[in-house]
Amino acid sequence: MVRTQIQIPDDVYQKAKEYCRKQEMSLAELCRRSLEQYLVQWPHSMEQKEWQLPVLSLGPFIAPCSEWRTLANEPEQA
């Protein structure tokens, strides 16, 4: 096992410590488990040679295409 140091924002640290207290685990264990889970979920990120813009499914358009120009040029409502 390798020993390392990391820097995280104070608010993230506090939330993590609270989670660890409730789950009765160490911060080190939370970090190990989190890294393992991340690497399982995103194995493709280690294989890609070049970053690509993620493709998101935002669902169907709410306004028909014929109204886009009109809606885009409307003044913003406060």
PDB file of N, CA and C in Angstrom:
ATOM      1  N   MET A   1       0.848  -1.169   0.000  1.00  0.00           N
ATOM      2  CA  MET A   1       0.000   0.000   0.000  1.00  0.00           C
ATOM      3  C   MET A   1       0.898   1.238   0.000  1.00  0.00           C
ATOM      4  N   VAL A   2       0.472   2.276  -0.727  1.00  0.00           N
ATOM      5  CA  VAL A   2       1.229   3.513  -0.845  1.00  0.00           C
ATOM      6  C   VAL A   2       0.607   4.566   0.060  1.00  0.00           C
ATOM      7  N   ARG A   3       1.438   5.302   0.725  1.00  0.00           N
ATOM      8  CA  ARG A   3       0.974   6.400   1.571  1.00  0.00           C
ATOM      9  C   ARG A   3       1.101   7.689   0.770  1.00  0.00           C
ATOM     10  N   THR A   4       0.075   8.541   0.816  1.00  0.00           N
ATOM     11  CA  THR A   4       0.093   9.778   0.036  1.00  0.00           C
ATOM     12  C   THR A   4      -0.621  10.890   0.788  1.00  0.00           C
ATOM     13  N   GLN A   5      -0.460  12.101   0.301  1.00  0.00           N
ATOM     14  CA  GLN A   5      -1.163  13.254   0.845  1.00  0.00           C
ATOM     15  C   GLN A   5      -2.007  13.870  -0.256  1.00  0.00           C
ATOM     16  N   ILE A   6      -3.184  14.373   0.121  1.00  0.00           N
ATOM     17  CA  ILE A   6      -4.044  15.067  -0.833  1.00  0.00           C
ATOM     18  C   ILE A   6      -4.528  16.368  -0.215  1.00  0.00           C
ATOM     19  N   GLN A   7      -4.924  17.291  -1.051  1.00  0.00           N
ATOM     20  CA  GLN A   7      -5.514  18.547  -0.583  1.00  0.00           C
ATOM     21  C   GLN A   7      -6.946  18.604  -1.080  1.00  0.00           C
ATOM     22  N   ILE A   8      -7.876  18.853  -0.171  1.00  0.00           N
ATOM     23  CA  ILE A   8      -9.286  18.973  -0.529  1.00  0.00           C
ATOM     24  C   ILE A   8      -9.863  20.214   0.137  1.00  0.00           C
ATOM     25  N   PRO A   9     -10.896  20.796  -0.442  1.00  0.00           N
ATOM     26  CA  PRO A   9     -11.509  21.981   0.164  1.00  0.00           C
ATOM     27  C   PRO A   9     -12.049  21.680   1.565  1.00  0.00           C
ATOM     28  N   ASP A  10     -12.047  22.700   2.403  1.00  0.00           N
ATOM     29  CA  ASP A  10     -12.491  22.530   3.796  1.00  0.00           C
ATOM     30  C   ASP A  10     -13.904  21.972   3.900  1.00  0.00           C
ATOM     31  N   ASP A  11     -14.829  22.474   3.060  1.00  0.00           N
ATOM     32  CA  ASP A  11     -16.215  22.016   3.162  1.00  0.00           C
ATOM     33  C   ASP A  11     -16.349  20.542   2.760  1.00  0.00           C
ATOM     34  N   VAL A  12     -15.581  20.108   1.779  1.00  0.00           N
ATOM     35  CA  VAL A  12     -15.607  18.703   1.371  1.00  0.00           C
ATOM     36  C   VAL A  12     -15.035  17.839   2.495  1.00  0.00           C
ATOM     37  N   TYR A  13     -13.971  18.313   3.098  1.00  0.00           N
ATOM     38  CA  TYR A  13     -13.362  17.581   4.213  1.00  0.00           C
ATOM     39  C   TYR A  13     -14.349  17.408   5.368  1.00  0.00           C
ATOM     40  N   GLN A  14     -15.043  18.480   5.721  1.00  0.00           N
ATOM     41  CA  GLN A  14     -16.001  18.415   6.828  1.00  0.00           C
ATOM     42  C   GLN A  14     -17.137  17.433   6.524  1.00  0.00           C
ATOM     43  N   LYS A  15     -17.647  17.472   5.293  1.00  0.00           N
ATOM     44  CA  LYS A  15     -18.722  16.543   4.906  1.00  0.00           C
ATOM     45  C   LYS A  15     -18.218  15.104   4.937  1.00  0.00           C
ATOM     46  N   ALA A  16     -17.004  14.900   4.464  1.00  0.00           N
ATOM     47  CA  ALA A  16     -16.428  13.553   4.453  1.00  0.00           C
ATOM     48  C   ALA A  16     -16.214  13.040   5.870  1.00  0.00           C
ATOM     49  N   LYS A  17     -15.708  13.893   6.748  1.00  0.00           N
ATOM     50  CA  LYS A  17     -15.493  13.480   8.140  1.00  0.00           C
ATOM     51  C   LYS A  17     -16.816  13.125   8.817  1.00  0.00           C
ATOM     52  N   GLU A  18     -17.858  13.901   8.545  1.00  0.00           N
ATOM     53  CA  GLU A  18     -19.181  13.622   9.116  1.00  0.00           C
ATOM     54  C   GLU A  18     -19.711  12.285   8.601  1.00  0.00           C
ATOM     55  N   TYR A  19     -19.554  12.056   7.302  1.00  0.00           N
ATOM     56  CA  TYR A  19     -19.980  10.784   6.715  1.00  0.00           C
ATOM     57  C   TYR A  19     -19.240   9.619   7.372  1.00  0.00           C
ATOM     58  N   CYS A  20     -17.923   9.775   7.531  1.00  0.00           N
ATOM     59  CA  CYS A  20     -17.108   8.727   8.136  1.00  0.00           C
ATOM     60  C   CYS A  20     -17.531   8.453   9.581  1.00  0.00           C
ATOM     61  N   ARG A  21     -17.833   9.513  10.302  1.00  0.00           N
ATOM     62  CA  ARG A  21     -18.272   9.337  11.692  1.00  0.00           C
ATOM     63  C   ARG A  21     -19.553   8.510  11.727  1.00  0.00           C
ATOM     64  N   LYS A  22     -20.507   8.846  10.852  1.00  0.00           N
ATOM     65  CA  LYS A  22     -21.793   8.127  10.827  1.00  0.00           C
ATOM     66  C   LYS A  22     -21.629   6.686  10.367  1.00  0.00           C
ATOM     67  N   GLN A  23     -20.707   6.446   9.447  1.00  0.00           N
ATOM     68  CA  GLN A  23     -20.500   5.102   8.909  1.00  0.00           C
ATOM     69  C   GLN A  23     -19.455   4.303   9.697  1.00  0.00           C
ATOM     70  N   GLU A  24     -18.861   4.944  10.686  1.00  0.00           N
ATOM     71  CA  GLU A  24     -17.820   4.317  11.514  1.00  0.00           C
ATOM     72  C   GLU A  24     -16.680   3.772  10.651  1.00  0.00           C
ATOM     73  N   MET A  25     -16.147   4.643   9.808  1.00  0.00           N
ATOM     74  CA  MET A  25     -14.990   4.274   8.983  1.00  0.00           C
ATOM     75  C   MET A  25     -13.998   5.427   8.993  1.00  0.00           C
ATOM     76  N   SER A  26     -12.792   5.135   8.601  1.00  0.00           N
ATOM     77  CA  SER A  26     -11.769   6.180   8.556  1.00  0.00           C
ATOM     78  C   SER A  26     -11.880   6.960   7.251  1.00  0.00           C
ATOM     79  N   LEU A  27     -11.312   8.150   7.253  1.00  0.00           N
ATOM     80  CA  LEU A  27     -11.278   8.962   6.045  1.00  0.00           C
ATOM     81  C   LEU A  27     -10.453   8.259   4.969  1.00  0.00           C
ATOM     82  N   ALA A  28      -9.402   7.580   5.378  1.00  0.00           N
ATOM     83  CA  ALA A  28      -8.569   6.834   4.430  1.00  0.00           C
ATOM     84  C   ALA A  28      -9.394   5.752   3.732  1.00  0.00           C
ATOM     85  N   GLU A  29     -10.223   5.045   4.486  1.00  0.00           N
ATOM     86  CA  GLU A  29     -11.069   3.998   3.908  1.00  0.00           C
ATOM     87  C   GLU A  29     -12.077   4.587   2.927  1.00  0.00           C
ATOM     88  N   LEU A  30     -12.667   5.729   3.276  1.00  0.00           N
ATOM     89  CA  LEU A  30     -13.599   6.399   2.366  1.00  0.00           C
ATOM     90  C   LEU A  30     -12.889   6.787   1.067  1.00  0.00           C
ATOM     91  N   CYS A  31     -11.691   7.326   1.174  1.00  0.00           N
ATOM     92  CA  CYS A  31     -10.929   7.706  -0.027  1.00  0.00           C
ATOM     93  C   CYS A  31     -10.608   6.491  -0.880  1.00  0.00           C
ATOM     94  N   ARG A  32     -10.168   5.390  -0.257  1.00  0.00           N
ATOM     95  CA  ARG A  32      -9.855   4.174  -1.021  1.00  0.00           C
ATOM     96  C   ARG A  32     -11.087   3.653  -1.739  1.00  0.00           C
ATOM     97  N   ARG A  33     -12.190   3.546  -1.004  1.00  0.00           N
ATOM     98  CA  ARG A  33     -13.424   3.029  -1.612  1.00  0.00           C
ATOM     99  C   ARG A  33     -13.921   3.939  -2.727  1.00  0.00           C
ATOM    100  N   SER A  34     -13.831   5.243  -2.510  1.00  0.00           N
ATOM    101  CA  SER A  34     -14.287   6.202  -3.520  1.00  0.00           C
ATOM    102  C   SER A  34     -13.460   6.099  -4.793  1.00  0.00           C
ATOM    103  N   LEU A  35     -12.148   6.008  -4.655  1.00  0.00           N
ATOM    104  CA  LEU A  35     -11.278   5.867  -5.820  1.00  0.00           C
ATOM    105  C   LEU A  35     -11.542   4.558  -6.552  1.00  0.00           C
ATOM    106  N   GLU A  36     -11.712   3.475  -5.799  1.00  0.00           N
ATOM    107  CA  GLU A  36     -12.000   2.188  -6.433  1.00  0.00           C
ATOM    108  C   GLU A  36     -13.303   2.254  -7.223  1.00  0.00           C
ATOM    109  N   GLN A  37     -14.327   2.839  -6.632  1.00  0.00           N
ATOM    110  CA  GLN A  37     -15.625   2.949  -7.304  1.00  0.00           C
ATOM    111  C   GLN A  37     -15.527   3.828  -8.535  1.00  0.00           C
ATOM    112  N   TYR A  38     -14.821   4.934  -8.439  1.00  0.00           N
ATOM    113  CA  TYR A  38     -14.657   5.832  -9.582  1.00  0.00           C
ATOM    114  C   TYR A  38     -13.978   5.106 -10.738  1.00  0.00           C
ATOM    115  N   LEU A  39     -12.933   4.366 -10.432  1.00  0.00           N
ATOM    116  CA  LEU A  39     -12.187   3.669 -11.480  1.00  0.00           C
ATOM    117  C   LEU A  39     -12.995   2.540 -12.112  1.00  0.00           C
ATOM    118  N   VAL A  40     -13.915   1.940 -11.362  1.00  0.00           N
ATOM    119  CA  VAL A  40     -14.803   0.917 -11.920  1.00  0.00           C
ATOM    120  C   VAL A  40     -15.835   1.559 -12.836  1.00  0.00           C
ATOM    121  N   GLN A  41     -16.387   2.695 -12.432  1.00  0.00           N
ATOM    122  CA  GLN A  41     -17.431   3.368 -13.200  1.00  0.00           C
ATOM    123  C   GLN A  41     -16.897   4.021 -14.460  1.00  0.00           C
ATOM    124  N   TRP A  42     -15.678   4.475 -14.464  1.00  0.00           N
ATOM    125  CA  TRP A  42     -15.135   5.231 -15.582  1.00  0.00           C
ATOM    126  C   TRP A  42     -13.876   4.595 -16.165  1.00  0.00           C
ATOM    127  N   PRO A  43     -13.920   3.321 -16.512  1.00  0.00           N
ATOM    128  CA  PRO A  43     -12.705   2.692 -17.034  1.00  0.00           C
ATOM    129  C   PRO A  43     -12.274   3.272 -18.373  1.00  0.00           C
ATOM    130  N   HIS A  44     -13.222   3.770 -19.147  1.00  0.00           N
ATOM    131  CA  HIS A  44     -12.891   4.326 -20.451  1.00  0.00           C
ATOM    132  C   HIS A  44     -12.036   5.585 -20.347  1.00  0.00           C
ATOM    133  N   SER A  45     -12.094   6.275 -19.228  1.00  0.00           N
ATOM    134  CA  SER A  45     -11.336   7.517 -19.093  1.00  0.00           C
ATOM    135  C   SER A  45      -9.826   7.255 -19.107  1.00  0.00           C
ATOM    136  N   MET A  46      -9.421   6.063 -18.750  1.00  0.00           N
ATOM    137  CA  MET A  46      -7.995   5.740 -18.748  1.00  0.00           C
ATOM    138  C   MET A  46      -7.537   5.291 -20.128  1.00  0.00           C
ATOM    139  N   GLU A  47      -8.476   4.902 -21.000  1.00  0.00           N
ATOM    140  CA  GLU A  47      -8.124   4.409 -22.326  1.00  0.00           C
ATOM    141  C   GLU A  47      -8.099   5.518 -23.365  1.00  0.00           C
ATOM    142  N   GLN A  48      -8.832   6.592 -23.141  1.00  0.00           N
ATOM    143  CA  GLN A  48      -8.912   7.658 -24.127  1.00  0.00           C
ATOM    144  C   GLN A  48      -7.606   8.421 -24.194  1.00  0.00           C
ATOM    145  N   LYS A  49      -7.163   8.685 -25.414  1.00  0.00           N
ATOM    146  CA  LYS A  49      -5.937   9.438 -25.601  1.00  0.00           C
ATOM    147  C   LYS A  49      -6.217  10.935 -25.641  1.00  0.00           C
ATOM    148  N   GLU A  50      -7.416  11.291 -26.039  1.00  0.00           N
ATOM    149  CA  GLU A  50      -7.762  12.699 -26.208  1.00  0.00           C
ATOM    150  C   GLU A  50      -9.100  12.963 -25.536  1.00  0.00           C
ATOM    151  N   TRP A  51      -9.205  14.056 -24.791  1.00  0.00           N
ATOM    152  CA  TRP A  51     -10.454  14.402 -24.133  1.00  0.00           C
ATOM    153  C   TRP A  51     -11.519  14.711 -25.169  1.00  0.00           C
ATOM    154  N   GLN A  52     -12.747  14.250 -24.905  1.00  0.00           N
ATOM    155  CA  GLN A  52     -13.866  14.525 -25.795  1.00  0.00           C
ATOM    156  C   GLN A  52     -15.009  15.109 -24.995  1.00  0.00           C
ATOM    157  N   LEU A  53     -15.735  16.018 -25.622  1.00  0.00           N
ATOM    158  CA  LEU A  53     -16.891  16.623 -24.991  1.00  0.00           C
ATOM    159  C   LEU A  53     -17.921  15.548 -24.682  1.00  0.00           C
ATOM    160  N   PRO A  54     -18.425  15.456 -23.454  1.00  0.00           N
ATOM    161  CA  PRO A  54     -19.431  14.440 -23.133  1.00  0.00           C
ATOM    162  C   PRO A  54     -20.707  14.679 -23.927  1.00  0.00           C
ATOM    163  N   VAL A  55     -21.378  13.603 -24.293  1.00  0.00           N
ATOM    164  CA  VAL A  55     -22.652  13.692 -24.996  1.00  0.00           C
ATOM    165  C   VAL A  55     -23.744  13.473 -23.968  1.00  0.00           C
ATOM    166  N   LEU A  56     -24.608  14.473 -23.799  1.00  0.00           N
ATOM    167  CA  LEU A  56     -25.677  14.402 -22.815  1.00  0.00           C
ATOM    168  C   LEU A  56     -27.019  14.271 -23.504  1.00  0.00           C
ATOM    169  N   SER A  57     -27.895  13.479 -22.933  1.00  0.00           N
ATOM    170  CA  SER A  57     -29.253  13.374 -23.441  1.00  0.00           C
ATOM    171  C   SER A  57     -30.116  14.322 -22.615  1.00  0.00           C
ATOM    172  N   LEU A  58     -30.583  15.379 -23.248  1.00  0.00           N
ATOM    173  CA  LEU A  58     -31.375  16.386 -22.538  1.00  0.00           C
ATOM    174  C   LEU A  58     -32.866  16.225 -22.774  1.00  0.00           C
ATOM    175  N   GLY A  59     -33.247  15.183 -23.491  1.00  0.00           N
ATOM    176  CA  GLY A  59     -34.655  14.932 -23.751  1.00  0.00           C
ATOM    177  C   GLY A  59     -35.138  15.723 -24.956  1.00  0.00           C
ATOM    178  N   PRO A  60     -36.425  15.642 -25.223  1.00  0.00           N
ATOM    179  CA  PRO A  60     -36.969  16.327 -26.384  1.00  0.00           C
ATOM    180  C   PRO A  60     -37.002  17.841 -26.185  1.00  0.00           C
ATOM    181  N   PHE A  61     -36.999  18.572 -27.304  1.00  0.00           N
ATOM    182  CA  PHE A  61     -37.103  20.026 -27.241  1.00  0.00           C
ATOM    183  C   PHE A  61     -38.490  20.423 -26.745  1.00  0.00           C
ATOM    184  N   ILE A  62     -38.558  21.475 -25.942  1.00  0.00           N
ATOM    185  CA  ILE A  62     -39.838  21.957 -25.419  1.00  0.00           C
ATOM    186  C   ILE A  62     -40.534  22.822 -26.461  1.00  0.00           C
ATOM    187  N   ALA A  63     -39.764  23.656 -27.165  1.00  0.00           N
ATOM    188  CA  ALA A  63     -40.323  24.548 -28.183  1.00  0.00           C
ATOM    189  C   ALA A  63     -40.032  23.972 -29.567  1.00  0.00           C
ATOM    190  N   PRO A  64     -40.976  24.100 -30.490  1.00  0.00           N
ATOM    191  CA  PRO A  64     -40.723  23.620 -31.847  1.00  0.00           C
ATOM    192  C   PRO A  64     -39.617  24.432 -32.519  1.00  0.00           C
ATOM    193  N   CYS A  65     -38.886  23.802 -33.429  1.00  0.00           N
ATOM    194  CA  CYS A  65     -37.759  24.441 -34.126  1.00  0.00           C
ATOM    195  C   CYS A  65     -38.176  25.749 -34.794  1.00  0.00           C
ATOM    196  N   SER A  66     -39.376  25.816 -35.280  1.00  0.00           N
ATOM    197  CA  SER A  66     -39.837  27.007 -35.990  1.00  0.00           C
ATOM    198  C   SER A  66     -39.904  28.241 -35.081  1.00  0.00           C
ATOM    199  N   GLU A  67     -39.915  28.063 -33.756  1.00  0.00           N
ATOM    200  CA  GLU A  67     -40.026  29.184 -32.810  1.00  0.00           C
ATOM    201  C   GLU A  67     -38.692  29.557 -32.158  1.00  0.00           C
ATOM    202  N   TRP A  68     -37.615  28.842 -32.456  1.00  0.00           N
ATOM    203  CA  TRP A  68     -36.335  29.078 -31.779  1.00  0.00           C
ATOM    204  C   TRP A  68     -35.834  30.507 -31.955  1.00  0.00           C
ATOM    205  N   ARG A  69     -35.853  31.020 -33.173  1.00  0.00           N
ATOM    206  CA  ARG A  69     -35.325  32.363 -33.425  1.00  0.00           C
ATOM    207  C   ARG A  69     -36.111  33.398 -32.624  1.00  0.00           C
ATOM    208  N   THR A  70     -37.426  33.294 -32.628  1.00  0.00           N
ATOM    209  CA  THR A  70     -38.275  34.237 -31.888  1.00  0.00           C
ATOM    210  C   THR A  70     -37.978  34.168 -30.396  1.00  0.00           C
ATOM    211  N   LEU A  71     -37.902  32.952 -29.865  1.00  0.00           N
ATOM    212  CA  LEU A  71     -37.643  32.793 -28.428  1.00  0.00           C
ATOM    213  C   LEU A  71     -36.248  33.280 -28.051  1.00  0.00           C
ATOM    214  N   ALA A  72     -35.268  33.068 -28.909  1.00  0.00           N
ATOM    215  CA  ALA A  72     -33.894  33.484 -28.615  1.00  0.00           C
ATOM    216  C   ALA A  72     -33.766  35.010 -28.586  1.00  0.00           C
ATOM    217  N   ASN A  73     -34.597  35.707 -29.334  1.00  0.00           N
ATOM    218  CA  ASN A  73     -34.496  37.163 -29.428  1.00  0.00           C
ATOM    219  C   ASN A  73     -35.428  37.893 -28.460  1.00  0.00           C
ATOM    220  N   GLU A  74     -36.194  37.153 -27.692  1.00  0.00           N
ATOM    221  CA  GLU A  74     -37.082  37.797 -26.710  1.00  0.00           C
ATOM    222  C   GLU A  74     -36.246  38.379 -25.573  1.00  0.00           C
ATOM    223  N   PRO A  75     -36.651  39.543 -25.054  1.00  0.00           N
ATOM    224  CA  PRO A  75     -35.913  40.092 -23.893  1.00  0.00           C
ATOM    225  C   PRO A  75     -36.067  39.177 -22.684  1.00  0.00           C
ATOM    226  N   GLU A  76     -35.032  39.145 -21.869  1.00  0.00           N
ATOM    227  CA  GLU A  76     -35.046  38.312 -20.687  1.00  0.00           C
ATOM    228  C   GLU A  76     -36.013  38.871 -19.656  1.00  0.00           C
ATOM    229  N   GLN A  77     -36.789  37.994 -19.035  1.00  0.00           N
ATOM    230  CA  GLN A  77     -37.739  38.420 -17.999  1.00  0.00           C
ATOM    231  C   GLN A  77     -37.117  38.211 -16.634  1.00  0.00           C
ATOM    232  N   ALA A  78     -37.243  39.202 -15.764  1.00  0.00           N
ATOM    233  CA  ALA A  78     -36.641  39.129 -14.434  1.00  0.00           C
ATOM    234  C   ALA A  78     -37.476  38.370 -13.458  1.00  0.00           C
TER     235      ALA A  78
END
